[in-house]
Amino acid sequence: MKRVLLFVVLGGLALAPKAQDQSGSSVEVRGSQISIPSHAYPMHVEDLMTYEGTYDLSNGDVMHLRRSGSRMYARIGNQLAKKLVAASQNEFVALDRKLRITLNPDDYGGMNGELLMVVPRSVAGTGGGDQVVRLSVR
């Protein structure tokens, strides 16, 4: 019985770092795991207008979403604006597959959600390759 308990405790300790990696704000990827939908989700201009605005990101940066006609663009901080395509009613993907934005209305008339952003590992941390950074949007 003591041996079984020891294995359970050691197994739990071995899994703890893995669980922490999954709940962190970044995940290592090989290439981009953000894909563009084969067909853009059809959205009316009025629907796009609800997503326009400035959003605070959990890393202290700011994301600006703007509409030009029936097109949406996202600009994060001082980066160049990226053209977006609607993947669903509340989800947008950059055509360069570097951003995935999910926005949901909150109880107070605002929006919150999540931003997945592919950045070079040299920017996000150390080493080479790409890394997906997950930020909350308010």
N, C-alpha and C. Protein backbone atom coordinates (compact mmCIF):
# COMPACT_ATOMS: atom_id res chain seq x y z
N MET A 1 0.82 -1.19 0.00
CA MET A 1 0.00 0.00 0.00
C MET A 1 0.87 1.26 0.00
N LYS A 2 1.95 1.23 0.79
CA LYS A 2 2.84 2.38 0.83
C LYS A 2 3.48 2.61 -0.54
N ARG A 3 3.79 1.50 -1.22
CA ARG A 3 4.42 1.61 -2.53
C ARG A 3 3.47 2.26 -3.55
N VAL A 4 2.19 1.89 -3.51
CA VAL A 4 1.19 2.46 -4.41
C VAL A 4 1.05 3.96 -4.13
N LEU A 5 0.98 4.32 -2.86
CA LEU A 5 0.86 5.72 -2.48
C LEU A 5 2.08 6.51 -2.94
N LEU A 6 3.26 5.93 -2.82
CA LEU A 6 4.49 6.58 -3.26
C LEU A 6 4.45 6.84 -4.77
N PHE A 7 3.98 5.85 -5.55
CA PHE A 7 3.89 6.03 -7.00
C PHE A 7 2.87 7.11 -7.38
N VAL A 8 1.79 7.18 -6.66
CA VAL A 8 0.78 8.21 -6.93
C VAL A 8 1.35 9.60 -6.66
N VAL A 9 2.04 9.75 -5.53
CA VAL A 9 2.62 11.04 -5.18
C VAL A 9 3.70 11.43 -6.19
N LEU A 10 4.60 10.48 -6.52
CA LEU A 10 5.66 10.78 -7.48
C LEU A 10 5.09 11.08 -8.87
N GLY A 11 4.04 10.35 -9.25
CA GLY A 11 3.40 10.62 -10.54
C GLY A 11 2.79 12.01 -10.57
N GLY A 12 2.17 12.42 -9.47
CA GLY A 12 1.59 13.76 -9.39
C GLY A 12 2.66 14.84 -9.48
N LEU A 13 3.79 14.61 -8.83
CA LEU A 13 4.88 15.57 -8.90
C LEU A 13 5.48 15.65 -10.30
N ALA A 14 5.53 14.53 -10.99
CA ALA A 14 6.08 14.51 -12.34
C ALA A 14 5.17 15.26 -13.31
N LEU A 15 3.86 15.24 -13.08
CA LEU A 15 2.92 15.91 -13.95
C LEU A 15 2.78 17.39 -13.65
N ALA A 16 3.15 17.84 -12.47
CA ALA A 16 2.96 19.24 -12.07
C ALA A 16 3.65 20.22 -13.02
N PRO A 17 4.93 20.02 -13.41
CA PRO A 17 5.53 20.97 -14.35
C PRO A 17 4.82 20.97 -15.70
N LYS A 18 4.34 19.82 -16.16
CA LYS A 18 3.64 19.76 -17.44
C LYS A 18 2.36 20.57 -17.37
N ALA A 19 1.63 20.47 -16.27
CA ALA A 19 0.40 21.24 -16.12
C ALA A 19 0.70 22.73 -16.09
N GLN A 20 1.80 23.11 -15.48
CA GLN A 20 2.16 24.52 -15.45
C GLN A 20 2.49 25.03 -16.84
N ASP A 21 3.14 24.21 -17.67
CA ASP A 21 3.46 24.63 -19.03
C ASP A 21 2.20 24.89 -19.83
N GLN A 22 1.17 24.07 -19.64
CA GLN A 22 -0.05 24.22 -20.41
C GLN A 22 -0.83 25.45 -19.99
N SER A 23 -0.74 25.87 -18.76
CA SER A 23 -1.50 27.02 -18.31
C SER A 23 -0.72 28.32 -18.47
N GLY A 24 0.49 28.25 -18.99
CA GLY A 24 1.31 29.44 -19.15
C GLY A 24 0.80 30.30 -20.28
N SER A 25 1.50 31.40 -20.52
CA SER A 25 1.05 32.33 -21.53
C SER A 25 1.66 32.07 -22.91
N SER A 26 2.52 31.05 -23.03
CA SER A 26 3.08 30.77 -24.34
C SER A 26 3.30 29.28 -24.51
N VAL A 27 3.29 28.86 -25.78
CA VAL A 27 3.44 27.47 -26.12
C VAL A 27 4.38 27.38 -27.31
N GLU A 28 5.36 26.48 -27.24
CA GLU A 28 6.28 26.34 -28.37
C GLU A 28 5.57 25.60 -29.50
N VAL A 29 5.77 26.07 -30.74
CA VAL A 29 5.16 25.43 -31.90
C VAL A 29 6.22 25.24 -32.97
N ARG A 30 5.97 24.31 -33.85
CA ARG A 30 6.80 24.13 -35.05
C ARG A 30 5.97 24.66 -36.20
N GLY A 31 6.37 25.79 -36.75
CA GLY A 31 5.57 26.44 -37.78
C GLY A 31 4.35 27.08 -37.14
N SER A 32 3.43 27.48 -37.95
CA SER A 32 2.25 28.16 -37.43
C SER A 32 1.10 27.18 -37.27
N GLN A 33 0.46 27.18 -36.12
CA GLN A 33 -0.70 26.34 -35.90
C GLN A 33 -1.98 27.15 -36.07
N ILE A 34 -1.85 28.38 -36.48
CA ILE A 34 -3.02 29.21 -36.75
C ILE A 34 -3.33 29.06 -38.23
N SER A 35 -4.53 28.59 -38.53
CA SER A 35 -4.88 28.36 -39.93
C SER A 35 -5.98 29.30 -40.37
N ILE A 36 -5.97 29.59 -41.65
CA ILE A 36 -6.99 30.43 -42.26
C ILE A 36 -8.14 29.52 -42.68
N PRO A 37 -9.38 29.91 -42.40
CA PRO A 37 -10.50 29.06 -42.82
C PRO A 37 -10.58 28.97 -44.34
N SER A 38 -11.04 27.84 -44.85
CA SER A 38 -11.15 27.69 -46.30
C SER A 38 -12.18 28.65 -46.89
N HIS A 39 -13.20 28.98 -46.10
CA HIS A 39 -14.21 29.97 -46.50
C HIS A 39 -14.38 30.96 -45.36
N ALA A 40 -14.30 32.23 -45.69
CA ALA A 40 -14.50 33.25 -44.65
C ALA A 40 -15.95 33.21 -44.18
N TYR A 41 -16.12 33.40 -42.89
CA TYR A 41 -17.46 33.47 -42.31
C TYR A 41 -18.10 34.78 -42.80
N PRO A 42 -19.30 34.70 -43.38
CA PRO A 42 -19.91 35.93 -43.89
C PRO A 42 -20.38 36.84 -42.76
N MET A 43 -19.91 38.08 -42.76
CA MET A 43 -20.31 39.04 -41.74
C MET A 43 -20.76 40.34 -42.40
N HIS A 44 -21.82 40.90 -41.87
CA HIS A 44 -22.32 42.19 -42.35
C HIS A 44 -21.49 43.30 -41.73
N VAL A 45 -21.46 44.43 -42.38
CA VAL A 45 -20.71 45.58 -41.90
C VAL A 45 -21.14 45.93 -40.47
N GLU A 46 -22.45 45.85 -40.19
CA GLU A 46 -22.95 46.18 -38.86
C GLU A 46 -22.36 45.25 -37.80
N ASP A 47 -22.17 43.97 -38.15
CA ASP A 47 -21.57 43.03 -37.22
C ASP A 47 -20.11 43.37 -36.96
N LEU A 48 -19.40 43.73 -38.03
CA LEU A 48 -17.99 44.09 -37.89
C LEU A 48 -17.82 45.33 -37.01
N MET A 49 -18.76 46.24 -37.11
CA MET A 49 -18.68 47.48 -36.34
C MET A 49 -18.68 47.22 -34.83
N THR A 50 -19.32 46.13 -34.40
CA THR A 50 -19.36 45.83 -32.96
C THR A 50 -17.99 45.45 -32.41
N TYR A 51 -17.08 45.02 -33.27
CA TYR A 51 -15.76 44.61 -32.83
C TYR A 51 -14.72 45.72 -32.94
N GLU A 52 -15.03 46.79 -33.64
CA GLU A 52 -14.09 47.91 -33.78
C GLU A 52 -13.78 48.50 -32.42
N GLY A 53 -12.55 48.92 -32.23
CA GLY A 53 -12.19 49.59 -30.99
C GLY A 53 -10.79 49.27 -30.54
N THR A 54 -10.48 49.75 -29.35
CA THR A 54 -9.17 49.56 -28.74
C THR A 54 -9.33 48.61 -27.57
N TYR A 55 -8.46 47.62 -27.50
CA TYR A 55 -8.53 46.59 -26.47
C TYR A 55 -7.21 46.54 -25.69
N ASP A 56 -7.31 46.41 -24.38
CA ASP A 56 -6.13 46.24 -23.53
C ASP A 56 -5.76 44.77 -23.52
N LEU A 57 -4.48 44.48 -23.66
CA LEU A 57 -3.98 43.11 -23.62
C LEU A 57 -3.34 42.83 -22.27
N SER A 58 -3.31 41.58 -21.89
CA SER A 58 -2.80 41.21 -20.57
C SER A 58 -1.31 41.47 -20.41
N ASN A 59 -0.58 41.69 -21.50
CA ASN A 59 0.85 41.99 -21.39
C ASN A 59 1.11 43.50 -21.31
N GLY A 60 0.04 44.30 -21.22
CA GLY A 60 0.18 45.74 -21.11
C GLY A 60 0.12 46.45 -22.45
N ASP A 61 0.13 45.72 -23.53
CA ASP A 61 0.07 46.31 -24.86
C ASP A 61 -1.39 46.63 -25.21
N VAL A 62 -1.59 47.23 -26.36
CA VAL A 62 -2.92 47.62 -26.82
C VAL A 62 -3.14 47.05 -28.22
N MET A 63 -4.36 46.55 -28.47
CA MET A 63 -4.74 46.07 -29.80
C MET A 63 -5.83 46.99 -30.33
N HIS A 64 -5.63 47.46 -31.56
CA HIS A 64 -6.62 48.30 -32.22
C HIS A 64 -7.26 47.48 -33.34
N LEU A 65 -8.57 47.36 -33.32
CA LEU A 65 -9.30 46.73 -34.41
C LEU A 65 -10.05 47.83 -35.15
N ARG A 66 -9.87 47.88 -36.46
CA ARG A 66 -10.58 48.88 -37.24
C ARG A 66 -11.17 48.21 -38.48
N ARG A 67 -12.21 48.83 -38.96
CA ARG A 67 -12.92 48.34 -40.13
C ARG A 67 -12.72 49.33 -41.26
N SER A 68 -12.54 48.79 -42.45
CA SER A 68 -12.50 49.61 -43.66
C SER A 68 -13.44 48.93 -44.64
N GLY A 69 -14.63 49.49 -44.77
CA GLY A 69 -15.65 48.83 -45.59
C GLY A 69 -16.05 47.52 -44.95
N SER A 70 -15.88 46.43 -45.66
CA SER A 70 -16.22 45.12 -45.11
C SER A 70 -14.98 44.34 -44.68
N ARG A 71 -13.85 45.05 -44.50
CA ARG A 71 -12.60 44.40 -44.08
C ARG A 71 -12.22 44.84 -42.68
N MET A 72 -11.59 43.93 -41.94
CA MET A 72 -11.13 44.22 -40.59
C MET A 72 -9.61 44.16 -40.57
N TYR A 73 -9.02 45.04 -39.74
CA TYR A 73 -7.58 45.09 -39.57
C TYR A 73 -7.25 45.14 -38.08
N ALA A 74 -6.17 44.50 -37.70
CA ALA A 74 -5.71 44.52 -36.31
C ALA A 74 -4.30 45.10 -36.27
N ARG A 75 -4.08 45.98 -35.33
CA ARG A 75 -2.74 46.53 -35.09
C ARG A 75 -2.45 46.36 -33.61
N ILE A 76 -1.33 45.75 -33.30
CA ILE A 76 -0.94 45.51 -31.92
C ILE A 76 0.30 46.34 -31.63
N GLY A 77 0.15 47.22 -30.64
CA GLY A 77 1.27 48.10 -30.29
C GLY A 77 1.71 48.92 -31.48
N ASN A 78 3.02 48.88 -31.77
CA ASN A 78 3.59 49.64 -32.87
C ASN A 78 3.75 48.82 -34.14
N GLN A 79 3.21 47.60 -34.15
CA GLN A 79 3.33 46.75 -35.33
C GLN A 79 2.47 47.27 -36.46
N LEU A 80 2.75 46.81 -37.67
CA LEU A 80 1.92 47.14 -38.81
C LEU A 80 0.57 46.45 -38.68
N ALA A 81 -0.46 47.08 -39.24
CA ALA A 81 -1.80 46.48 -39.20
C ALA A 81 -1.83 45.23 -40.06
N LYS A 82 -2.57 44.22 -39.59
CA LYS A 82 -2.72 42.97 -40.32
C LYS A 82 -4.17 42.81 -40.75
N LYS A 83 -4.36 42.38 -42.00
CA LYS A 83 -5.70 42.15 -42.51
C LYS A 83 -6.26 40.87 -41.90
N LEU A 84 -7.51 40.94 -41.47
CA LEU A 84 -8.16 39.81 -40.82
C LEU A 84 -9.25 39.22 -41.70
N VAL A 85 -9.51 37.95 -41.48
CA VAL A 85 -10.65 37.29 -42.10
C VAL A 85 -11.46 36.66 -40.97
N ALA A 86 -12.79 36.70 -41.09
CA ALA A 86 -13.65 36.12 -40.05
C ALA A 86 -13.65 34.60 -40.19
N ALA A 87 -13.33 33.92 -39.10
CA ALA A 87 -13.37 32.46 -39.07
C ALA A 87 -14.69 31.96 -38.51
N SER A 88 -15.33 32.78 -37.68
CA SER A 88 -16.66 32.50 -37.13
C SER A 88 -17.26 33.84 -36.72
N GLN A 89 -18.40 33.80 -36.08
CA GLN A 89 -19.07 35.04 -35.71
C GLN A 89 -18.24 35.90 -34.77
N ASN A 90 -17.39 35.30 -33.95
CA ASN A 90 -16.61 36.07 -32.98
C ASN A 90 -15.11 35.78 -33.03
N GLU A 91 -14.66 35.24 -34.15
CA GLU A 91 -13.26 34.85 -34.26
C GLU A 91 -12.68 35.34 -35.58
N PHE A 92 -11.49 35.95 -35.49
CA PHE A 92 -10.81 36.50 -36.66
C PHE A 92 -9.40 35.95 -36.73
N VAL A 93 -8.91 35.74 -37.95
CA VAL A 93 -7.57 35.23 -38.18
C VAL A 93 -6.87 36.16 -39.16
N ALA A 94 -5.60 36.48 -38.88
CA ALA A 94 -4.81 37.31 -39.79
C ALA A 94 -4.43 36.47 -41.01
N LEU A 95 -4.43 37.11 -42.17
CA LEU A 95 -4.10 36.40 -43.40
C LEU A 95 -2.68 35.83 -43.40
N ASP A 96 -1.78 36.43 -42.61
CA ASP A 96 -0.41 35.90 -42.53
C ASP A 96 -0.29 34.78 -41.49
N ARG A 97 -1.41 34.37 -40.89
CA ARG A 97 -1.50 33.28 -39.90
C ARG A 97 -0.65 33.55 -38.65
N LYS A 98 -0.53 34.83 -38.28
CA LYS A 98 0.23 35.20 -37.09
C LYS A 98 -0.67 35.61 -35.93
N LEU A 99 -1.98 35.79 -36.17
CA LEU A 99 -2.91 36.20 -35.12
C LEU A 99 -4.21 35.40 -35.22
N ARG A 100 -4.76 35.07 -34.07
CA ARG A 100 -6.12 34.54 -33.97
C ARG A 100 -6.76 35.28 -32.80
N ILE A 101 -7.84 36.00 -33.10
CA ILE A 101 -8.52 36.82 -32.10
C ILE A 101 -9.92 36.26 -31.87
N THR A 102 -10.25 36.00 -30.62
CA THR A 102 -11.59 35.57 -30.25
C THR A 102 -12.15 36.60 -29.29
N LEU A 103 -13.30 37.15 -29.61
CA LEU A 103 -13.92 38.18 -28.78
C LEU A 103 -15.35 37.77 -28.43
N ASN A 104 -15.71 38.00 -27.17
CA ASN A 104 -17.05 37.68 -26.68
C ASN A 104 -17.60 38.87 -25.92
N PRO A 105 -18.89 39.19 -26.12
CA PRO A 105 -19.48 40.28 -25.34
C PRO A 105 -19.53 39.91 -23.86
N ASP A 106 -19.27 40.88 -23.00
CA ASP A 106 -19.38 40.61 -21.56
C ASP A 106 -20.70 41.16 -21.04
N ASP A 107 -20.94 41.01 -19.76
CA ASP A 107 -22.20 41.43 -19.14
C ASP A 107 -22.35 42.94 -19.04
N TYR A 108 -21.31 43.69 -19.34
CA TYR A 108 -21.33 45.14 -19.14
C TYR A 108 -21.31 45.92 -20.46
N GLY A 109 -21.56 45.25 -21.57
CA GLY A 109 -21.58 45.91 -22.87
C GLY A 109 -20.24 46.02 -23.55
N GLY A 110 -19.21 45.47 -22.96
CA GLY A 110 -17.88 45.48 -23.55
C GLY A 110 -17.55 44.13 -24.18
N MET A 111 -16.29 43.96 -24.49
CA MET A 111 -15.80 42.71 -25.08
C MET A 111 -14.62 42.20 -24.27
N ASN A 112 -14.48 40.90 -24.23
CA ASN A 112 -13.27 40.29 -23.69
C ASN A 112 -12.99 39.06 -24.52
N GLY A 113 -11.82 38.51 -24.39
CA GLY A 113 -11.49 37.34 -25.18
C GLY A 113 -10.04 36.97 -25.09
N GLU A 114 -9.54 36.43 -26.20
CA GLU A 114 -8.21 35.87 -26.23
C GLU A 114 -7.54 36.22 -27.55
N LEU A 115 -6.24 36.45 -27.48
CA LEU A 115 -5.43 36.69 -28.66
C LEU A 115 -4.31 35.67 -28.68
N LEU A 116 -4.21 34.91 -29.76
CA LEU A 116 -3.06 34.03 -29.98
C LEU A 116 -2.20 34.72 -31.02
N MET A 117 -0.93 34.89 -30.70
CA MET A 117 -0.03 35.62 -31.59
C MET A 117 1.25 34.82 -31.77
N VAL A 118 1.63 34.54 -33.01
CA VAL A 118 2.86 33.83 -33.31
C VAL A 118 3.98 34.85 -33.37
N VAL A 119 5.00 34.64 -32.55
CA VAL A 119 6.16 35.53 -32.53
C VAL A 119 7.42 34.68 -32.58
N PRO A 120 8.50 35.23 -33.12
CA PRO A 120 9.76 34.49 -33.10
C PRO A 120 10.20 34.25 -31.67
N ARG A 121 10.72 33.08 -31.41
CA ARG A 121 11.16 32.74 -30.06
C ARG A 121 12.20 33.74 -29.56
N SER A 122 13.01 34.30 -30.45
CA SER A 122 14.02 35.27 -30.03
C SER A 122 13.37 36.52 -29.44
N VAL A 123 12.13 36.83 -29.85
CA VAL A 123 11.40 37.96 -29.28
C VAL A 123 10.72 37.55 -27.99
N ALA A 124 10.13 36.34 -27.99
CA ALA A 124 9.35 35.88 -26.84
C ALA A 124 10.22 35.30 -25.73
N GLY A 125 11.39 34.84 -26.05
CA GLY A 125 12.24 34.21 -25.03
C GLY A 125 13.62 34.00 -25.59
N THR A 126 14.10 32.76 -25.47
CA THR A 126 15.42 32.45 -25.99
C THR A 126 15.31 31.32 -27.00
N GLY A 127 16.30 31.18 -27.83
CA GLY A 127 16.33 30.11 -28.80
C GLY A 127 15.72 30.51 -30.12
N GLY A 128 15.57 29.52 -31.01
CA GLY A 128 15.03 29.78 -32.34
C GLY A 128 13.64 29.21 -32.48
N GLY A 129 13.07 29.36 -33.66
CA GLY A 129 11.72 28.87 -33.93
C GLY A 129 10.67 29.88 -33.55
N ASP A 130 9.42 29.46 -33.65
CA ASP A 130 8.30 30.33 -33.33
C ASP A 130 7.65 29.90 -32.03
N GLN A 131 6.93 30.82 -31.45
CA GLN A 131 6.23 30.58 -30.21
C GLN A 131 4.87 31.26 -30.31
N VAL A 132 3.82 30.59 -29.85
CA VAL A 132 2.50 31.19 -29.80
C VAL A 132 2.29 31.76 -28.41
N VAL A 133 2.00 33.04 -28.37
CA VAL A 133 1.77 33.72 -27.10
C VAL A 133 0.27 33.92 -26.94
N ARG A 134 -0.27 33.54 -25.80
CA ARG A 134 -1.69 33.68 -25.52
C ARG A 134 -1.88 34.86 -24.58
N LEU A 135 -2.67 35.83 -25.01
CA LEU A 135 -2.95 37.02 -24.20
C LEU A 135 -4.44 37.16 -24.01
N SER A 136 -4.85 37.65 -22.86
CA SER A 136 -6.26 37.94 -22.69
C SER A 136 -6.53 39.34 -23.20
N VAL A 137 -7.75 39.52 -23.68
CA VAL A 137 -8.18 40.78 -24.28
C VAL A 137 -9.30 41.36 -23.43
N ARG A 138 -9.21 42.67 -23.09
CA ARG A 138 -10.26 43.36 -22.35
C ARG A 138 -10.62 44.63 -23.06
